[in-house]
Amino acid sequence: MSPPGGSGRPKLKALRPAEPARDIPTAVKDPGLVAKRRRQIVDATVQLFINKGFHKTTTREMAQAAGFSIGTLYEYVTSKEDVLYLVCQAIHEEMEQRLRQRIRHAGSGAQALAGAIEAYFTVCDQMSDHILLIYQETKSLPAESMRFVLAHEERITQIFAELLGKGVEDFSLRPLDRDETLLMAHNIAVLGHMWTFRRWSLGHRFTLEQYIARQSELILGQLR
C-alpha cells in the first residue's frame, strides 16, 4: 500500500527548541544562524524524504531544495543521517506543541484527557505522512540519534500519563496504579498512530470524527 500523498499536508512550523535534543557539530559559530539554516534544511528535506524515501534522496537534492551548495549544507550538518534526525525532531516537536496548546486551559483531568485525545488523533491524521516517515526511516539513524528520537516519543506519551494522573487526583477518573497509567498512556499514543497505519481499512467505516468519538468512548469508559 502506498502512503497517502503529501501535497495537502501541513508544512512543519518553526518551533521553540525542545529537550531532549542531540548536539550536532557545526562549523558555524552563530547559534541563531545555525537554527535558521537547519530549519531551512528540514523544511526543504521533509517532503523529499516522504516522496522518495531517505535512501533514494541524495545530498545534492537536499542542498538544492534548501537553496544551498553541498559545501554549505555540510557547514550545518555532518551527515545525511543528521538531517533525518533533525526532521524527526521537528515532527515530534510540532506534535507535542500542538497537543500542549490544546490542553493548556482544560478543566478536569477527564476533560483534559478527552481534549488531548481529540487533538492528538487529529494531529496524527494531519501529519500521517510524517508519522509514516519516522516509522519507515528511523532504522537508518545511528544509535545515539535513535535514543533521542525515542526519548521524544516518550515525552508525548508522558503527556497522557500526566493527564491520567490529574484525573485520578481530582476524582474525574477511577484510581489507577503506576502500571495501568503507563499502559493506558501508551495505548492512547498507539491508537493515534493506528489511524495512520490502518486508515486504508478503517476509513471505509469511520470518518476521523467517528473514529475519535468511538475510541474516546472506549478509552474513557475504562477509566470512569
N, C-alpha and C. Protein backbone atom coordinates (compact mmCIF):
# COMPACT_ATOMS: atom_id res chain seq x y z
N MET A 1 0.85 -1.20 0.00
CA MET A 1 0.00 0.00 0.00
C MET A 1 0.88 1.23 0.00
N SER A 2 0.58 2.17 -0.87
CA SER A 2 1.33 3.43 -0.89
C SER A 2 0.77 4.35 0.16
N PRO A 3 1.64 5.13 0.88
CA PRO A 3 1.15 6.07 1.85
C PRO A 3 0.39 7.19 1.19
N PRO A 4 -0.46 7.89 1.94
CA PRO A 4 -1.24 8.98 1.36
C PRO A 4 -0.32 10.04 0.79
N GLY A 5 -0.79 10.72 -0.25
CA GLY A 5 0.01 11.78 -0.86
C GLY A 5 0.26 12.92 0.09
N GLY A 6 1.39 13.60 -0.08
CA GLY A 6 1.76 14.63 0.86
C GLY A 6 1.44 16.04 0.41
N SER A 7 0.83 16.19 -0.75
CA SER A 7 0.66 17.52 -1.31
C SER A 7 -0.22 18.41 -0.45
N GLY A 8 -1.21 17.80 0.26
CA GLY A 8 -2.11 18.61 1.06
C GLY A 8 -1.75 18.66 2.52
N ARG A 9 -0.58 18.12 2.88
CA ARG A 9 -0.21 18.03 4.28
C ARG A 9 0.38 19.34 4.77
N PRO A 10 0.22 19.65 6.06
CA PRO A 10 0.72 20.91 6.58
C PRO A 10 2.24 20.94 6.60
N LYS A 11 2.80 22.10 6.31
CA LYS A 11 4.24 22.29 6.40
C LYS A 11 4.64 22.40 7.86
N LEU A 12 5.79 21.82 8.20
CA LEU A 12 6.27 21.92 9.57
C LEU A 12 6.54 23.38 9.91
N LYS A 13 6.14 23.79 11.08
CA LYS A 13 6.30 25.18 11.51
C LYS A 13 7.57 25.34 12.32
N ALA A 14 8.08 26.57 12.35
CA ALA A 14 9.23 26.86 13.21
C ALA A 14 8.77 26.78 14.67
N LEU A 15 9.49 26.03 15.48
CA LEU A 15 9.08 25.78 16.86
C LEU A 15 10.16 26.20 17.83
N ARG A 16 9.77 26.34 19.08
CA ARG A 16 10.74 26.58 20.14
C ARG A 16 11.63 25.36 20.28
N PRO A 17 12.87 25.53 20.73
CA PRO A 17 13.72 24.36 20.99
C PRO A 17 13.09 23.50 22.07
N ALA A 18 13.23 22.20 21.95
CA ALA A 18 12.66 21.29 22.94
C ALA A 18 13.69 20.24 23.32
N GLU A 19 13.69 19.86 24.57
CA GLU A 19 14.53 18.77 25.03
C GLU A 19 13.70 17.49 25.03
N PRO A 20 14.28 16.32 24.81
CA PRO A 20 15.68 16.12 24.61
C PRO A 20 16.10 16.37 23.16
N ALA A 21 17.32 16.83 22.95
CA ALA A 21 17.84 17.07 21.61
C ALA A 21 19.32 16.72 21.59
N ARG A 22 19.75 16.13 20.49
CA ARG A 22 21.15 15.74 20.36
C ARG A 22 21.95 16.89 19.79
N ASP A 23 23.14 17.08 20.31
CA ASP A 23 24.03 18.13 19.81
C ASP A 23 24.67 17.66 18.51
N ILE A 24 24.50 18.43 17.45
CA ILE A 24 25.09 18.11 16.15
C ILE A 24 26.20 19.10 15.88
N PRO A 25 27.42 18.65 15.65
CA PRO A 25 28.55 19.57 15.41
C PRO A 25 28.29 20.45 14.20
N THR A 26 28.78 21.68 14.25
CA THR A 26 28.65 22.61 13.14
C THR A 26 29.90 23.47 13.05
N ALA A 27 30.23 23.90 11.83
CA ALA A 27 31.37 24.78 11.62
C ALA A 27 31.01 26.23 11.83
N VAL A 28 29.72 26.53 12.01
CA VAL A 28 29.24 27.90 12.14
C VAL A 28 29.11 28.24 13.62
N LYS A 29 29.59 29.42 14.01
CA LYS A 29 29.64 29.80 15.43
C LYS A 29 28.38 30.52 15.90
N ASP A 30 27.58 31.05 15.00
CA ASP A 30 26.38 31.82 15.38
C ASP A 30 25.21 30.85 15.61
N PRO A 31 24.78 30.64 16.88
CA PRO A 31 23.69 29.68 17.14
C PRO A 31 22.38 30.05 16.45
N GLY A 32 22.09 31.34 16.36
CA GLY A 32 20.86 31.77 15.69
C GLY A 32 20.87 31.43 14.22
N LEU A 33 22.00 31.62 13.58
CA LEU A 33 22.12 31.29 12.16
C LEU A 33 22.05 29.78 11.95
N VAL A 34 22.66 29.02 12.85
CA VAL A 34 22.61 27.56 12.76
C VAL A 34 21.16 27.09 12.84
N ALA A 35 20.41 27.61 13.80
CA ALA A 35 19.00 27.22 13.95
C ALA A 35 18.19 27.58 12.71
N LYS A 36 18.44 28.78 12.17
CA LYS A 36 17.70 29.22 10.98
C LYS A 36 18.01 28.34 9.77
N ARG A 37 19.28 28.07 9.54
CA ARG A 37 19.66 27.28 8.37
C ARG A 37 19.21 25.82 8.51
N ARG A 38 19.30 25.29 9.71
CA ARG A 38 18.83 23.91 9.90
C ARG A 38 17.32 23.82 9.70
N ARG A 39 16.62 24.88 10.08
CA ARG A 39 15.18 24.89 9.84
C ARG A 39 14.89 24.88 8.35
N GLN A 40 15.68 25.64 7.58
CA GLN A 40 15.53 25.64 6.13
C GLN A 40 15.78 24.24 5.56
N ILE A 41 16.80 23.58 6.08
CA ILE A 41 17.14 22.24 5.61
C ILE A 41 15.99 21.28 5.90
N VAL A 42 15.45 21.34 7.12
CA VAL A 42 14.34 20.46 7.50
C VAL A 42 13.12 20.71 6.61
N ASP A 43 12.73 21.96 6.45
CA ASP A 43 11.55 22.28 5.66
C ASP A 43 11.70 21.84 4.21
N ALA A 44 12.92 21.94 3.67
CA ALA A 44 13.16 21.57 2.28
C ALA A 44 13.26 20.06 2.11
N THR A 45 13.70 19.36 3.15
CA THR A 45 14.03 17.95 3.01
C THR A 45 12.87 17.02 3.36
N VAL A 46 12.00 17.44 4.28
CA VAL A 46 10.97 16.52 4.78
C VAL A 46 10.12 15.98 3.64
N GLN A 47 9.75 16.82 2.67
CA GLN A 47 8.91 16.33 1.57
C GLN A 47 9.69 15.41 0.64
N LEU A 48 11.00 15.66 0.49
CA LEU A 48 11.83 14.75 -0.30
C LEU A 48 11.85 13.37 0.33
N PHE A 49 12.01 13.32 1.65
CA PHE A 49 12.05 12.03 2.34
C PHE A 49 10.70 11.33 2.24
N ILE A 50 9.60 12.09 2.34
CA ILE A 50 8.27 11.50 2.25
C ILE A 50 8.04 10.93 0.85
N ASN A 51 8.42 11.70 -0.16
CA ASN A 51 8.13 11.30 -1.54
C ASN A 51 9.08 10.23 -2.07
N LYS A 52 10.38 10.35 -1.73
CA LYS A 52 11.39 9.46 -2.33
C LYS A 52 11.94 8.43 -1.36
N GLY A 53 11.80 8.71 -0.06
CA GLY A 53 12.46 7.87 0.93
C GLY A 53 13.83 8.41 1.26
N PHE A 54 14.32 8.08 2.44
CA PHE A 54 15.61 8.59 2.90
C PHE A 54 16.75 8.13 2.00
N HIS A 55 16.80 6.84 1.68
CA HIS A 55 17.95 6.29 0.96
C HIS A 55 18.01 6.77 -0.48
N LYS A 56 16.88 7.04 -1.10
CA LYS A 56 16.87 7.46 -2.50
C LYS A 56 17.05 8.97 -2.66
N THR A 57 17.00 9.70 -1.57
CA THR A 57 17.23 11.14 -1.62
C THR A 57 18.72 11.41 -1.51
N THR A 58 19.26 12.16 -2.45
CA THR A 58 20.70 12.45 -2.44
C THR A 58 20.99 13.74 -1.70
N THR A 59 22.22 13.87 -1.24
CA THR A 59 22.61 15.12 -0.56
C THR A 59 22.55 16.30 -1.54
N ARG A 60 22.81 16.04 -2.80
CA ARG A 60 22.71 17.11 -3.79
C ARG A 60 21.27 17.62 -3.89
N GLU A 61 20.31 16.70 -3.88
CA GLU A 61 18.90 17.11 -3.92
C GLU A 61 18.52 17.87 -2.66
N MET A 62 19.03 17.42 -1.52
CA MET A 62 18.73 18.09 -0.26
C MET A 62 19.27 19.52 -0.26
N ALA A 63 20.51 19.67 -0.70
CA ALA A 63 21.12 21.00 -0.74
C ALA A 63 20.39 21.91 -1.73
N GLN A 64 20.06 21.37 -2.89
CA GLN A 64 19.36 22.15 -3.90
C GLN A 64 18.00 22.60 -3.40
N ALA A 65 17.26 21.70 -2.73
CA ALA A 65 15.93 22.05 -2.22
C ALA A 65 16.02 23.15 -1.16
N ALA A 66 17.11 23.15 -0.39
CA ALA A 66 17.29 24.16 0.66
C ALA A 66 17.89 25.46 0.12
N GLY A 67 18.34 25.43 -1.13
CA GLY A 67 18.95 26.61 -1.72
C GLY A 67 20.42 26.78 -1.36
N PHE A 68 21.08 25.67 -1.01
CA PHE A 68 22.48 25.71 -0.60
C PHE A 68 23.33 24.94 -1.61
N SER A 69 24.64 25.18 -1.54
CA SER A 69 25.58 24.26 -2.17
C SER A 69 25.79 23.09 -1.21
N ILE A 70 26.34 22.00 -1.72
CA ILE A 70 26.61 20.86 -0.84
C ILE A 70 27.60 21.27 0.24
N GLY A 71 28.58 22.11 -0.11
CA GLY A 71 29.55 22.57 0.87
C GLY A 71 28.89 23.34 2.00
N THR A 72 27.94 24.20 1.65
CA THR A 72 27.22 24.96 2.68
C THR A 72 26.38 24.04 3.55
N LEU A 73 25.74 23.06 2.92
CA LEU A 73 24.94 22.09 3.69
C LEU A 73 25.78 21.45 4.79
N TYR A 74 26.99 21.06 4.44
CA TYR A 74 27.84 20.36 5.42
C TYR A 74 28.49 21.29 6.43
N GLU A 75 28.25 22.59 6.31
CA GLU A 75 28.65 23.50 7.39
C GLU A 75 27.69 23.41 8.57
N TYR A 76 26.47 22.92 8.31
CA TYR A 76 25.43 22.91 9.34
C TYR A 76 25.09 21.50 9.82
N VAL A 77 25.44 20.50 9.06
CA VAL A 77 25.27 19.10 9.47
C VAL A 77 26.51 18.33 9.05
N THR A 78 26.71 17.19 9.67
CA THR A 78 27.90 16.41 9.32
C THR A 78 27.58 15.19 8.46
N SER A 79 26.29 14.87 8.33
CA SER A 79 25.93 13.68 7.56
C SER A 79 24.47 13.77 7.13
N LYS A 80 24.12 12.93 6.19
CA LYS A 80 22.73 12.81 5.76
C LYS A 80 21.85 12.33 6.91
N GLU A 81 22.40 11.48 7.77
CA GLU A 81 21.66 10.98 8.93
C GLU A 81 21.34 12.10 9.91
N ASP A 82 22.21 13.11 10.00
CA ASP A 82 21.91 14.27 10.84
C ASP A 82 20.63 14.96 10.38
N VAL A 83 20.47 15.06 9.07
CA VAL A 83 19.27 15.71 8.54
C VAL A 83 18.03 14.89 8.88
N LEU A 84 18.12 13.57 8.75
CA LEU A 84 16.98 12.72 9.11
C LEU A 84 16.64 12.89 10.58
N TYR A 85 17.66 12.96 11.43
CA TYR A 85 17.40 13.19 12.87
C TYR A 85 16.69 14.52 13.08
N LEU A 86 17.16 15.59 12.42
CA LEU A 86 16.54 16.91 12.58
C LEU A 86 15.09 16.91 12.10
N VAL A 87 14.82 16.17 11.03
CA VAL A 87 13.45 16.05 10.54
C VAL A 87 12.57 15.35 11.57
N CYS A 88 13.04 14.24 12.12
CA CYS A 88 12.26 13.51 13.14
C CYS A 88 12.03 14.39 14.36
N GLN A 89 13.06 15.14 14.77
CA GLN A 89 12.94 16.01 15.93
C GLN A 89 11.89 17.09 15.68
N ALA A 90 11.90 17.67 14.50
CA ALA A 90 10.94 18.73 14.17
C ALA A 90 9.51 18.20 14.16
N ILE A 91 9.32 16.99 13.65
CA ILE A 91 7.99 16.39 13.63
C ILE A 91 7.48 16.17 15.05
N HIS A 92 8.32 15.62 15.91
CA HIS A 92 7.91 15.37 17.30
C HIS A 92 7.63 16.68 18.03
N GLU A 93 8.44 17.69 17.79
CA GLU A 93 8.24 18.98 18.47
C GLU A 93 6.90 19.59 18.07
N GLU A 94 6.58 19.50 16.77
CA GLU A 94 5.31 20.08 16.34
C GLU A 94 4.14 19.32 16.94
N MET A 95 4.21 18.01 16.96
CA MET A 95 3.13 17.21 17.54
C MET A 95 2.96 17.54 19.02
N GLU A 96 4.08 17.63 19.74
CA GLU A 96 4.00 17.94 21.17
C GLU A 96 3.43 19.33 21.41
N GLN A 97 3.88 20.30 20.62
CA GLN A 97 3.40 21.67 20.85
C GLN A 97 1.91 21.79 20.57
N ARG A 98 1.43 21.17 19.49
CA ARG A 98 0.00 21.24 19.19
C ARG A 98 -0.81 20.60 20.31
N LEU A 99 -0.31 19.50 20.83
CA LEU A 99 -1.03 18.80 21.90
C LEU A 99 -1.07 19.64 23.17
N ARG A 100 0.05 20.21 23.54
CA ARG A 100 0.10 21.03 24.78
C ARG A 100 -0.75 22.29 24.65
N GLN A 101 -0.80 22.87 23.46
CA GLN A 101 -1.63 24.06 23.27
C GLN A 101 -3.10 23.73 23.51
N ARG A 102 -3.51 22.55 23.09
CA ARG A 102 -4.92 22.17 23.20
C ARG A 102 -5.35 21.97 24.66
N ILE A 103 -4.46 21.47 25.50
CA ILE A 103 -4.84 21.11 26.87
C ILE A 103 -4.46 22.19 27.88
N ARG A 104 -3.95 23.30 27.41
CA ARG A 104 -3.43 24.32 28.32
C ARG A 104 -4.49 24.84 29.28
N HIS A 105 -5.71 25.03 28.81
CA HIS A 105 -6.76 25.62 29.65
C HIS A 105 -7.91 24.63 29.87
N ALA A 106 -7.59 23.35 29.90
CA ALA A 106 -8.63 22.34 30.07
C ALA A 106 -9.14 22.32 31.50
N GLY A 107 -10.28 21.65 31.73
CA GLY A 107 -10.88 21.58 33.06
C GLY A 107 -10.36 20.41 33.86
N SER A 108 -11.24 19.46 34.18
CA SER A 108 -10.86 18.31 34.98
C SER A 108 -9.88 17.43 34.21
N GLY A 109 -9.29 16.46 34.92
CA GLY A 109 -8.39 15.54 34.27
C GLY A 109 -9.07 14.77 33.15
N ALA A 110 -10.32 14.32 33.39
CA ALA A 110 -11.06 13.59 32.37
C ALA A 110 -11.34 14.47 31.16
N GLN A 111 -11.72 15.73 31.40
CA GLN A 111 -11.98 16.65 30.30
C GLN A 111 -10.70 16.93 29.52
N ALA A 112 -9.61 17.13 30.24
CA ALA A 112 -8.33 17.39 29.59
C ALA A 112 -7.88 16.19 28.76
N LEU A 113 -8.10 15.00 29.29
CA LEU A 113 -7.71 13.79 28.56
C LEU A 113 -8.54 13.65 27.29
N ALA A 114 -9.85 13.90 27.40
CA ALA A 114 -10.70 13.81 26.21
C ALA A 114 -10.25 14.81 25.15
N GLY A 115 -9.94 16.02 25.57
CA GLY A 115 -9.46 17.03 24.63
C GLY A 115 -8.12 16.66 24.02
N ALA A 116 -7.25 16.07 24.83
CA ALA A 116 -5.93 15.67 24.35
C ALA A 116 -6.05 14.55 23.32
N ILE A 117 -6.94 13.60 23.58
CA ILE A 117 -7.14 12.50 22.63
C ILE A 117 -7.63 13.05 21.29
N GLU A 118 -8.61 13.94 21.33
CA GLU A 118 -9.12 14.53 20.09
C GLU A 118 -8.02 15.29 19.35
N ALA A 119 -7.25 16.10 20.09
CA ALA A 119 -6.18 16.88 19.46
C ALA A 119 -5.11 15.98 18.88
N TYR A 120 -4.72 14.97 19.64
CA TYR A 120 -3.65 14.08 19.21
C TYR A 120 -4.05 13.27 17.98
N PHE A 121 -5.24 12.71 17.99
CA PHE A 121 -5.70 11.93 16.85
C PHE A 121 -5.82 12.81 15.60
N THR A 122 -6.26 14.05 15.81
CA THR A 122 -6.37 14.98 14.68
C THR A 122 -5.00 15.30 14.11
N VAL A 123 -4.02 15.54 14.98
CA VAL A 123 -2.65 15.80 14.52
C VAL A 123 -2.09 14.58 13.80
N CYS A 124 -2.36 13.40 14.32
CA CYS A 124 -1.88 12.18 13.66
C CYS A 124 -2.46 12.06 12.26
N ASP A 125 -3.72 12.47 12.09
CA ASP A 125 -4.33 12.46 10.76
C ASP A 125 -3.66 13.48 9.85
N GLN A 126 -3.46 14.69 10.36
CA GLN A 126 -2.86 15.76 9.56
C GLN A 126 -1.40 15.48 9.21
N MET A 127 -0.71 14.77 10.09
CA MET A 127 0.71 14.52 9.89
C MET A 127 0.98 13.04 9.62
N SER A 128 0.04 12.38 8.98
CA SER A 128 0.19 10.94 8.77
C SER A 128 1.42 10.60 7.93
N ASP A 129 1.71 11.41 6.92
CA ASP A 129 2.90 11.16 6.10
C ASP A 129 4.16 11.28 6.94
N HIS A 130 4.15 12.23 7.86
CA HIS A 130 5.32 12.46 8.71
C HIS A 130 5.52 11.30 9.69
N ILE A 131 4.41 10.80 10.24
CA ILE A 131 4.49 9.65 11.15
C ILE A 131 5.01 8.42 10.42
N LEU A 132 4.50 8.19 9.21
CA LEU A 132 4.99 7.07 8.41
C LEU A 132 6.48 7.21 8.14
N LEU A 133 6.91 8.42 7.88
CA LEU A 133 8.33 8.67 7.63
C LEU A 133 9.17 8.25 8.83
N ILE A 134 8.75 8.63 10.03
CA ILE A 134 9.51 8.28 11.23
C ILE A 134 9.59 6.77 11.37
N TYR A 135 8.46 6.08 11.21
CA TYR A 135 8.46 4.63 11.39
C TYR A 135 9.29 3.91 10.31
N GLN A 136 9.24 4.43 9.10
CA GLN A 136 9.92 3.75 8.00
C GLN A 136 11.42 4.02 7.97
N GLU A 137 11.85 5.21 8.38
CA GLU A 137 13.22 5.62 8.12
C GLU A 137 14.12 5.72 9.35
N THR A 138 13.57 5.73 10.56
CA THR A 138 14.45 5.92 11.72
C THR A 138 15.40 4.75 11.93
N LYS A 139 15.12 3.61 11.31
CA LYS A 139 16.07 2.49 11.40
C LYS A 139 17.42 2.85 10.79
N SER A 140 17.45 3.91 9.98
CA SER A 140 18.69 4.35 9.36
C SER A 140 19.51 5.27 10.26
N LEU A 141 18.96 5.65 11.40
CA LEU A 141 19.66 6.55 12.31
C LEU A 141 20.73 5.81 13.11
N PRO A 142 21.82 6.47 13.44
CA PRO A 142 22.78 5.89 14.39
C PRO A 142 22.12 5.71 15.75
N ALA A 143 22.69 4.85 16.57
CA ALA A 143 22.09 4.51 17.86
C ALA A 143 21.88 5.74 18.74
N GLU A 144 22.84 6.66 18.76
CA GLU A 144 22.70 7.84 19.62
C GLU A 144 21.54 8.71 19.19
N SER A 145 21.38 8.92 17.89
CA SER A 145 20.25 9.70 17.39
C SER A 145 18.93 9.00 17.67
N MET A 146 18.92 7.68 17.47
CA MET A 146 17.71 6.91 17.74
C MET A 146 17.28 7.06 19.20
N ARG A 147 18.24 7.09 20.10
CA ARG A 147 17.93 7.23 21.53
C ARG A 147 17.17 8.52 21.79
N PHE A 148 17.57 9.61 21.16
CA PHE A 148 16.91 10.89 21.37
C PHE A 148 15.53 10.91 20.71
N VAL A 149 15.39 10.30 19.54
CA VAL A 149 14.09 10.24 18.88
C VAL A 149 13.09 9.46 19.74
N LEU A 150 13.52 8.34 20.27
CA LEU A 150 12.64 7.53 21.12
C LEU A 150 12.31 8.27 22.42
N ALA A 151 13.27 9.03 22.92
CA ALA A 151 13.01 9.81 24.14
C ALA A 151 11.92 10.84 23.90
N HIS A 152 11.88 11.41 22.70
CA HIS A 152 10.83 12.39 22.43
C HIS A 152 9.48 11.71 22.23
N GLU A 153 9.48 10.50 21.70
CA GLU A 153 8.25 9.71 21.68
C GLU A 153 7.72 9.52 23.10
N GLU A 154 8.62 9.25 24.02
CA GLU A 154 8.24 9.07 25.43
C GLU A 154 7.67 10.36 26.01
N ARG A 155 8.20 11.50 25.60
CA ARG A 155 7.69 12.79 26.10
C ARG A 155 6.22 12.97 25.74
N ILE A 156 5.88 12.61 24.51
CA ILE A 156 4.49 12.74 24.07
C ILE A 156 3.60 11.78 24.85
N THR A 157 4.07 10.55 25.03
CA THR A 157 3.31 9.58 25.82
C THR A 157 3.15 10.06 27.26
N GLN A 158 4.17 10.73 27.80
CA GLN A 158 4.11 11.20 29.17
C GLN A 158 3.02 12.25 29.38
N ILE A 159 2.69 12.98 28.34
CA ILE A 159 1.59 13.95 28.45
C ILE A 159 0.30 13.24 28.84
N PHE A 160 0.04 12.10 28.21
CA PHE A 160 -1.18 11.34 28.54
C PHE A 160 -1.09 10.75 29.95
N ALA A 161 0.11 10.32 30.34
CA ALA A 161 0.28 9.80 31.70
C ALA A 161 0.00 10.89 32.73
N GLU A 162 0.45 12.11 32.46
CA GLU A 162 0.21 13.22 33.38
C GLU A 162 -1.28 13.54 33.49
N LEU A 163 -1.99 13.50 32.37
CA LEU A 163 -3.43 13.77 32.40
C LEU A 163 -4.19 12.67 33.12
N LEU A 164 -3.76 11.43 32.96
CA LEU A 164 -4.36 10.33 33.71
C LEU A 164 -4.16 10.54 35.20
N GLY A 165 -2.96 10.95 35.58
CA GLY A 165 -2.69 11.22 36.98
C GLY A 165 -3.54 12.36 37.52
N LYS A 166 -3.72 13.39 36.71
CA LYS A 166 -4.56 14.52 37.13
C LYS A 166 -6.00 14.06 37.34
N GLY A 167 -6.50 13.20 36.44
CA GLY A 167 -7.87 12.71 36.58
C GLY A 167 -8.07 11.88 37.82
N VAL A 168 -7.06 11.10 38.19
CA VAL A 168 -7.14 10.31 39.42
C VAL A 168 -7.17 11.24 40.63
N GLU A 169 -6.32 12.26 40.59
CA GLU A 169 -6.22 13.19 41.72
C GLU A 169 -7.51 13.97 41.93
N ASP A 170 -8.18 14.39 40.85
CA ASP A 170 -9.41 15.18 41.03
C ASP A 170 -10.68 14.31 40.97
N PHE A 171 -10.49 12.99 41.00
CA PHE A 171 -11.58 12.02 41.07
C PHE A 171 -12.49 12.01 39.85
N SER A 172 -12.03 12.61 38.73
CA SER A 172 -12.81 12.50 37.50
C SER A 172 -12.52 11.20 36.76
N LEU A 173 -11.47 10.48 37.19
CA LEU A 173 -11.14 9.16 36.68
C LEU A 173 -10.97 8.21 37.86
N ARG A 174 -11.17 6.93 37.62
CA ARG A 174 -11.01 5.95 38.69
C ARG A 174 -9.54 5.81 39.08
N PRO A 175 -9.26 5.27 40.26
CA PRO A 175 -7.86 5.08 40.67
C PRO A 175 -7.12 4.15 39.69
N LEU A 176 -5.89 4.51 39.40
CA LEU A 176 -5.02 3.71 38.53
C LEU A 176 -3.68 3.53 39.21
N ASP A 177 -3.13 2.32 39.12
CA ASP A 177 -1.78 2.16 39.65
C ASP A 177 -0.78 2.59 38.57
N ARG A 178 0.48 2.54 38.92
CA ARG A 178 1.52 3.04 38.01
C ARG A 178 1.55 2.27 36.70
N ASP A 179 1.42 0.95 36.78
CA ASP A 179 1.47 0.14 35.56
C ASP A 179 0.27 0.42 34.66
N GLU A 180 -0.93 0.55 35.25
CA GLU A 180 -2.12 0.85 34.46
C GLU A 180 -1.97 2.20 33.76
N THR A 181 -1.45 3.18 34.48
CA THR A 181 -1.26 4.51 33.90
C THR A 181 -0.30 4.45 32.71
N LEU A 182 0.81 3.74 32.90
CA LEU A 182 1.80 3.62 31.83
C LEU A 182 1.21 2.94 30.60
N LEU A 183 0.52 1.81 30.81
CA LEU A 183 -0.04 1.07 29.69
C LEU A 183 -1.13 1.87 28.97
N MET A 184 -1.98 2.56 29.72
CA MET A 184 -3.04 3.33 29.09
C MET A 184 -2.45 4.49 28.29
N ALA A 185 -1.42 5.15 28.81
CA ALA A 185 -0.78 6.25 28.09
C ALA A 185 -0.21 5.76 26.76
N HIS A 186 0.44 4.60 26.79
CA HIS A 186 0.99 4.04 25.55
C HIS A 186 -0.13 3.59 24.62
N ASN A 187 -1.21 3.04 25.17
CA ASN A 187 -2.34 2.64 24.33
C ASN A 187 -2.88 3.83 23.54
N ILE A 188 -3.04 4.97 24.21
CA ILE A 188 -3.57 6.16 23.54
C ILE A 188 -2.62 6.60 22.43
N ALA A 189 -1.32 6.60 22.72
CA ALA A 189 -0.34 7.02 21.71
C ALA A 189 -0.41 6.11 20.48
N VAL A 190 -0.53 4.81 20.70
CA VAL A 190 -0.57 3.86 19.59
C VAL A 190 -1.88 3.96 18.82
N LEU A 191 -2.98 4.21 19.51
CA LEU A 191 -4.26 4.33 18.83
C LEU A 191 -4.28 5.53 17.88
N GLY A 192 -3.58 6.59 18.23
CA GLY A 192 -3.45 7.71 17.30
C GLY A 192 -2.71 7.29 16.05
N HIS A 193 -1.63 6.55 16.23
CA HIS A 193 -0.86 6.07 15.09
C HIS A 193 -1.64 5.04 14.28
N MET A 194 -2.53 4.30 14.94
CA MET A 194 -3.29 3.27 14.23
C MET A 194 -4.13 3.87 13.11
N TRP A 195 -4.65 5.07 13.34
CA TRP A 195 -5.42 5.74 12.29
C TRP A 195 -4.54 5.98 11.06
N THR A 196 -3.26 6.28 11.29
CA THR A 196 -2.33 6.47 10.19
C THR A 196 -2.08 5.16 9.44
N PHE A 197 -1.84 4.09 10.18
CA PHE A 197 -1.44 2.83 9.56
C PHE A 197 -2.61 2.04 9.00
N ARG A 198 -3.79 2.17 9.61
CA ARG A 198 -4.93 1.34 9.22
C ARG A 198 -6.07 2.14 8.60
N ARG A 199 -5.80 3.39 8.26
CA ARG A 199 -6.87 4.21 7.68
C ARG A 199 -7.35 3.64 6.35
N TRP A 200 -6.49 2.91 5.63
CA TRP A 200 -6.90 2.29 4.37
C TRP A 200 -8.09 1.35 4.59
N SER A 201 -8.20 0.77 5.81
CA SER A 201 -9.34 -0.09 6.14
C SER A 201 -10.37 0.65 6.98
N LEU A 202 -9.92 1.31 8.05
CA LEU A 202 -10.84 2.00 8.96
C LEU A 202 -11.60 3.12 8.27
N GLY A 203 -10.95 3.74 7.28
CA GLY A 203 -11.59 4.86 6.59
C GLY A 203 -12.84 4.49 5.81
N HIS A 204 -13.02 3.18 5.56
CA HIS A 204 -14.24 2.73 4.88
C HIS A 204 -15.44 2.70 5.83
N ARG A 205 -15.17 2.65 7.13
CA ARG A 205 -16.25 2.53 8.12
C ARG A 205 -16.42 3.76 8.99
N PHE A 206 -15.34 4.52 9.15
CA PHE A 206 -15.38 5.66 10.07
C PHE A 206 -14.79 6.91 9.41
N THR A 207 -15.41 8.05 9.67
CA THR A 207 -14.73 9.31 9.43
C THR A 207 -13.74 9.52 10.59
N LEU A 208 -12.86 10.49 10.45
CA LEU A 208 -11.94 10.79 11.55
C LEU A 208 -12.72 11.13 12.81
N GLU A 209 -13.76 11.94 12.67
CA GLU A 209 -14.56 12.34 13.83
C GLU A 209 -15.20 11.13 14.50
N GLN A 210 -15.70 10.20 13.71
CA GLN A 210 -16.30 8.99 14.28
C GLN A 210 -15.26 8.12 14.97
N TYR A 211 -14.09 8.03 14.36
CA TYR A 211 -13.00 7.25 14.96
C TYR A 211 -12.62 7.84 16.31
N ILE A 212 -12.47 9.16 16.37
CA ILE A 212 -12.13 9.82 17.63
C ILE A 212 -13.20 9.57 18.67
N ALA A 213 -14.47 9.72 18.27
CA ALA A 213 -15.57 9.56 19.22
C ALA A 213 -15.62 8.13 19.76
N ARG A 214 -15.50 7.13 18.89
CA ARG A 214 -15.58 5.74 19.33
C ARG A 214 -14.40 5.36 20.22
N GLN A 215 -13.19 5.76 19.81
CA GLN A 215 -12.02 5.43 20.61
C GLN A 215 -12.05 6.17 21.95
N SER A 216 -12.50 7.42 21.95
CA SER A 216 -12.60 8.17 23.21
C SER A 216 -13.59 7.50 24.15
N GLU A 217 -14.70 7.02 23.59
CA GLU A 217 -15.70 6.32 24.39
C GLU A 217 -15.12 5.05 25.01
N LEU A 218 -14.37 4.30 24.21
CA LEU A 218 -13.76 3.08 24.71
C LEU A 218 -12.71 3.36 25.79
N ILE A 219 -11.87 4.36 25.55
CA ILE A 219 -10.81 4.70 26.49
C ILE A 219 -11.39 5.22 27.81
N LEU A 220 -12.23 6.23 27.69
CA LEU A 220 -12.79 6.85 28.91
C LEU A 220 -13.75 5.91 29.63
N GLY A 221 -14.37 5.02 28.87
CA GLY A 221 -15.25 4.05 29.52
C GLY A 221 -14.50 3.12 30.45
N GLN A 222 -13.25 2.84 30.14
CA GLN A 222 -12.42 2.00 31.01
C GLN A 222 -11.90 2.77 32.23
N LEU A 223 -11.99 4.07 32.18
CA LEU A 223 -11.33 4.90 33.21
C LEU A 223 -12.31 5.53 34.18
N ARG A 224 -13.60 5.44 33.92
CA ARG A 224 -14.58 6.10 34.78
C ARG A 224 -15.20 5.11 35.75
